[in-house]
């Protein structure tokens, strides 16, 4: 079988890992510390995609003082750093897909807007050596949709853009793939609907991991 890709770059939250309950737990801990109540799982789902600070901005709501947002963000990040892998788990079929990719010699990277140490810790805990490189946000690597993280993965794994597939679940991922000049496979099992992905410009959307796997190995 001729394989089209040498590398598949995955987003993390909402693409390979369901992290929503741990994100919600940490955010509600921080919000309650500022007497801002709590949020629901569906509300939390709508906050994800532009990094942790923007998540705190959205959770605090319109008109929240910057000092309060900063306090929520700092408390959230501290709590989440210690509780980021309580309920988090891979989406069904993801680990099997990664194993099949490895067996066929296709490298796998993770490109996340999660803070870099947290992203690396989760990738190692759930996937081990099935992931060749994980890159999260840091002082050296800006948040997506800046293509720097995707380009860093390409460079370090010696992959060509035309032989690379980018897989993600959000409008930010659509923009990142375009900025990095990579083919995009958008997925609707995560935090965004197929309709919102189409509105963001996604042309190819997969509803299941098995459908994505079939496309990769077609």
Protein backbone atom coordinates (compact mmCIF):
# COMPACT_ATOMS: atom_id res chain seq x y z
CA UNK A 1 0.00 0.00 0.00
CA UNK A 2 1.26 3.46 -0.93
CA UNK A 3 0.79 5.86 1.98
CA UNK A 4 0.14 9.51 1.10
CA UNK A 5 1.45 11.02 4.36
CA UNK A 6 4.76 10.91 6.20
CA UNK A 7 3.39 12.96 9.11
CA UNK A 8 0.03 13.69 10.69
CA UNK A 9 -0.13 16.67 13.06
CA UNK A 10 -3.01 16.54 15.54
CA UNK A 11 -4.53 19.23 17.70
CA UNK A 12 -4.89 17.97 21.30
CA UNK A 13 -8.05 19.20 23.08
CA UNK A 14 -11.15 17.99 21.27
CA UNK A 15 -9.17 16.04 18.67
CA UNK A 16 -7.14 13.28 20.34
CA UNK A 17 -8.05 13.90 23.99
CA UNK A 18 -11.35 14.75 25.66
CA UNK A 19 -10.03 17.22 28.23
CA UNK A 20 -13.25 19.12 28.83
CA UNK A 21 -14.19 17.84 32.29
CA UNK A 22 -10.76 18.59 33.74
CA UNK A 23 -10.77 22.05 32.16
CA UNK A 24 -14.22 22.70 33.61
CA UNK A 25 -13.22 21.49 37.06
CA UNK A 26 -10.22 23.80 37.16
CA UNK A 27 -12.16 26.77 35.77
CA UNK A 28 -15.01 26.40 38.25
CA UNK A 29 -12.49 26.14 41.09
CA UNK A 30 -10.99 29.47 39.98
CA UNK A 31 -14.32 31.18 39.31
CA UNK A 32 -15.74 30.19 42.68
CA UNK A 33 -12.62 31.65 44.34
CA UNK A 34 -13.63 35.01 42.82
CA UNK A 35 -17.34 34.52 43.68
CA UNK A 36 -18.24 34.24 39.99
CA UNK A 37 -20.32 31.08 40.26
CA UNK A 38 -19.72 28.07 38.01
CA UNK A 39 -20.08 27.13 34.36
CA UNK A 40 -21.61 24.11 32.62
CA UNK A 41 -19.87 21.60 30.37
CA UNK A 42 -21.56 23.10 27.29
CA UNK A 43 -20.46 26.60 28.28
CA UNK A 44 -16.91 25.38 28.80
CA UNK A 45 -16.94 23.75 25.38
CA UNK A 46 -17.58 27.15 23.80
CA UNK A 47 -14.60 28.73 25.61
CA UNK A 48 -11.95 26.35 24.22
CA UNK A 49 -9.70 27.05 21.23
CA UNK A 50 -7.66 30.20 21.74
CA UNK A 51 -5.48 29.24 24.70
CA UNK A 52 -6.01 29.22 28.43
CA UNK A 53 -6.03 32.97 29.02
CA UNK A 54 -8.80 33.57 26.48
CA UNK A 55 -10.67 30.69 28.13
CA UNK A 56 -10.54 32.62 31.41
CA UNK A 57 -11.69 35.84 29.70
CA UNK A 58 -14.71 34.07 28.24
CA UNK A 59 -15.53 32.28 31.48
CA UNK A 60 -15.43 35.51 33.49
CA UNK A 61 -17.86 37.16 31.10
CA UNK A 62 -18.22 40.55 29.46
CA UNK A 63 -17.23 43.46 31.66
CA UNK A 64 -15.14 41.52 34.17
CA UNK A 65 -12.26 43.70 35.45
CA UNK A 66 -8.86 42.75 34.07
CA UNK A 67 -7.50 42.17 37.57
CA UNK A 68 -10.27 39.66 38.24
CA UNK A 69 -9.66 37.89 34.93
CA UNK A 70 -5.96 37.69 35.76
CA UNK A 71 -6.74 36.23 39.20
CA UNK A 72 -9.04 33.61 37.67
CA UNK A 73 -6.46 32.73 35.03
CA UNK A 74 -3.63 32.35 37.53
CA UNK A 75 -5.71 30.21 39.88
CA UNK A 76 -7.08 28.16 37.00
CA UNK A 77 -3.65 27.45 35.55
CA UNK A 78 -2.18 26.51 38.93
CA UNK A 79 -5.09 24.16 39.74
CA UNK A 80 -5.19 22.69 36.24
CA UNK A 81 -1.44 22.03 36.25
CA UNK A 82 -1.99 19.74 39.25
CA UNK A 83 -5.29 18.20 38.07
CA UNK A 84 -5.02 18.06 34.29
CA UNK A 85 -5.31 14.28 34.01
CA UNK A 86 -8.15 13.28 36.33
CA UNK A 87 -10.95 12.62 33.84
CA UNK A 88 -9.11 13.31 30.58
CA UNK A 89 -9.08 10.39 28.15
CA UNK A 90 -8.42 9.65 24.46
CA UNK A 91 -11.37 9.62 22.11
CA UNK A 92 -12.39 6.09 21.14
CA UNK A 93 -10.27 4.81 18.28
CA UNK A 94 -7.47 7.37 18.54
CA UNK A 95 -4.91 5.08 20.18
CA UNK A 96 -5.60 2.36 17.61
CA UNK A 97 -5.17 4.88 14.80
CA UNK A 98 -1.83 6.03 16.21
CA UNK A 99 -0.65 2.42 16.53
CA UNK A 100 -1.57 1.73 12.91
CA UNK A 101 0.22 4.89 11.80
CA UNK A 102 3.37 3.90 13.68
CA UNK A 103 3.29 0.43 12.17
CA UNK A 104 3.16 2.01 8.70
CA UNK A 105 5.97 4.45 9.46
CA UNK A 106 3.79 7.57 9.59
CA UNK A 107 5.00 10.01 12.23
CA UNK A 108 2.59 11.72 14.61
CA UNK A 109 2.86 15.18 16.17
CA UNK A 110 0.63 17.14 18.53
CA UNK A 111 0.26 20.89 18.08
CA UNK A 112 -1.63 22.46 20.99
CA UNK A 113 -2.56 25.82 22.48
CA UNK A 114 -2.22 24.24 25.92
CA UNK A 115 0.86 25.36 27.89
CA UNK A 116 3.79 23.32 26.66
CA UNK A 117 4.61 21.30 29.84
CA UNK A 118 0.94 20.34 30.26
CA UNK A 119 0.58 19.31 26.62
CA UNK A 120 3.74 17.19 26.79
CA UNK A 121 2.66 15.56 30.07
CA UNK A 122 -0.74 14.55 28.70
CA UNK A 123 0.69 13.26 25.42
CA UNK A 124 3.23 11.13 27.28
CA UNK A 125 0.68 9.83 29.79
CA UNK A 126 -1.85 8.74 27.18
CA UNK A 127 0.18 7.93 24.08
CA UNK A 128 3.83 7.44 25.04
CA UNK A 129 6.05 6.81 22.03
CA UNK A 130 3.09 6.80 19.64
CA UNK A 131 3.60 10.58 19.48
CA UNK A 132 6.93 11.67 18.02
CA UNK A 133 6.76 15.32 19.12
CA UNK A 134 4.37 17.51 21.12
CA UNK A 135 4.53 21.30 20.95
CA UNK A 136 2.40 23.56 23.13
CA UNK A 137 2.30 27.28 23.80
CA UNK A 138 5.42 28.83 25.34
CA UNK A 139 7.40 32.04 25.34
CA UNK A 140 9.23 30.72 22.28
CA UNK A 141 6.19 29.35 20.45
CA UNK A 142 3.10 31.57 20.05
CA UNK A 143 -0.47 30.30 20.13
CA UNK A 144 -2.23 28.99 17.07
CA UNK A 145 -3.39 30.13 14.54
CA UNK A 146 0.20 31.34 14.30
CA UNK A 147 1.78 28.50 12.28
CA UNK A 148 5.02 28.47 14.32
CA UNK A 149 4.15 25.31 16.28
CA UNK A 150 3.16 23.37 13.18
CA UNK A 151 6.27 24.52 11.35
CA UNK A 152 8.45 23.52 14.30
CA UNK A 153 7.02 20.00 14.18
CA UNK A 154 7.62 19.81 10.43
CA UNK A 155 11.21 20.95 10.89
CA UNK A 156 12.10 18.69 13.81
CA UNK A 157 10.51 15.62 12.22
CA UNK A 158 12.02 16.35 8.79
CA UNK A 159 8.64 16.34 7.08
CA UNK A 160 7.49 18.14 3.95
CA UNK A 161 4.25 20.15 4.00
CA UNK A 162 2.91 18.36 0.91
CA UNK A 163 3.32 15.02 2.72
CA UNK A 164 1.68 16.21 5.95
CA UNK A 165 -1.93 16.20 7.14
CA UNK A 166 -3.17 18.54 9.88
CA UNK A 167 -6.10 17.28 11.99
CA UNK A 168 -8.10 19.58 14.27
CA UNK A 169 -11.55 20.35 15.65
CA UNK A 170 -11.84 24.13 15.72
CA UNK A 171 -11.84 27.31 13.64
CA UNK A 172 -8.39 28.01 15.07
CA UNK A 173 -7.18 24.73 13.56
CA UNK A 174 -8.67 25.65 10.20
CA UNK A 175 -6.74 28.92 10.31
CA UNK A 176 -3.55 27.20 11.51
CA UNK A 177 -3.55 24.66 8.69
CA UNK A 178 -4.10 27.43 6.15
CA UNK A 179 -1.31 29.57 7.63
CA UNK A 180 1.09 26.60 7.62
CA UNK A 181 -0.02 25.62 4.10
CA UNK A 182 -1.05 22.14 5.20
CA UNK A 183 -3.92 19.95 4.09
CA UNK A 184 -6.66 20.01 6.73
CA UNK A 185 -8.83 17.21 8.03
CA UNK A 186 -11.39 18.79 10.36
CA UNK A 187 -13.15 16.57 12.91
CA UNK A 188 -16.58 17.08 14.45
CA UNK A 189 -16.35 14.71 17.44
CA UNK A 190 -14.63 17.36 19.59
CA UNK A 191 -15.66 20.79 20.76
CA UNK A 192 -17.07 22.32 17.55
CA UNK A 193 -19.93 21.26 15.28
CA UNK A 194 -19.54 20.34 11.62
CA UNK A 195 -21.58 23.43 10.73
CA UNK A 196 -19.25 25.79 12.59
CA UNK A 197 -16.23 24.12 10.98
CA UNK A 198 -17.73 24.63 7.53
CA UNK A 199 -18.42 28.26 8.37
CA UNK A 200 -14.74 28.59 9.36
CA UNK A 201 -13.70 27.30 5.93
CA UNK A 202 -13.15 23.56 6.47
CA UNK A 203 -13.74 21.61 3.26
CA UNK A 204 -13.19 18.07 4.54
CA UNK A 205 -14.89 17.11 7.81
CA UNK A 206 -14.85 13.71 9.53
CA UNK A 207 -17.47 12.67 12.06
CA UNK A 208 -15.70 9.54 13.33
CA UNK A 209 -12.16 8.36 13.96
CA UNK A 210 -12.77 5.38 11.68
CA UNK A 211 -13.67 7.71 8.80
CA UNK A 212 -10.48 9.72 9.39
CA UNK A 213 -8.44 6.51 9.52
CA UNK A 214 -9.94 5.33 6.24
CA UNK A 215 -8.98 8.65 4.65
CA UNK A 216 -5.39 8.52 5.92
CA UNK A 217 -4.90 4.97 4.65
CA UNK A 218 -7.07 5.20 1.54
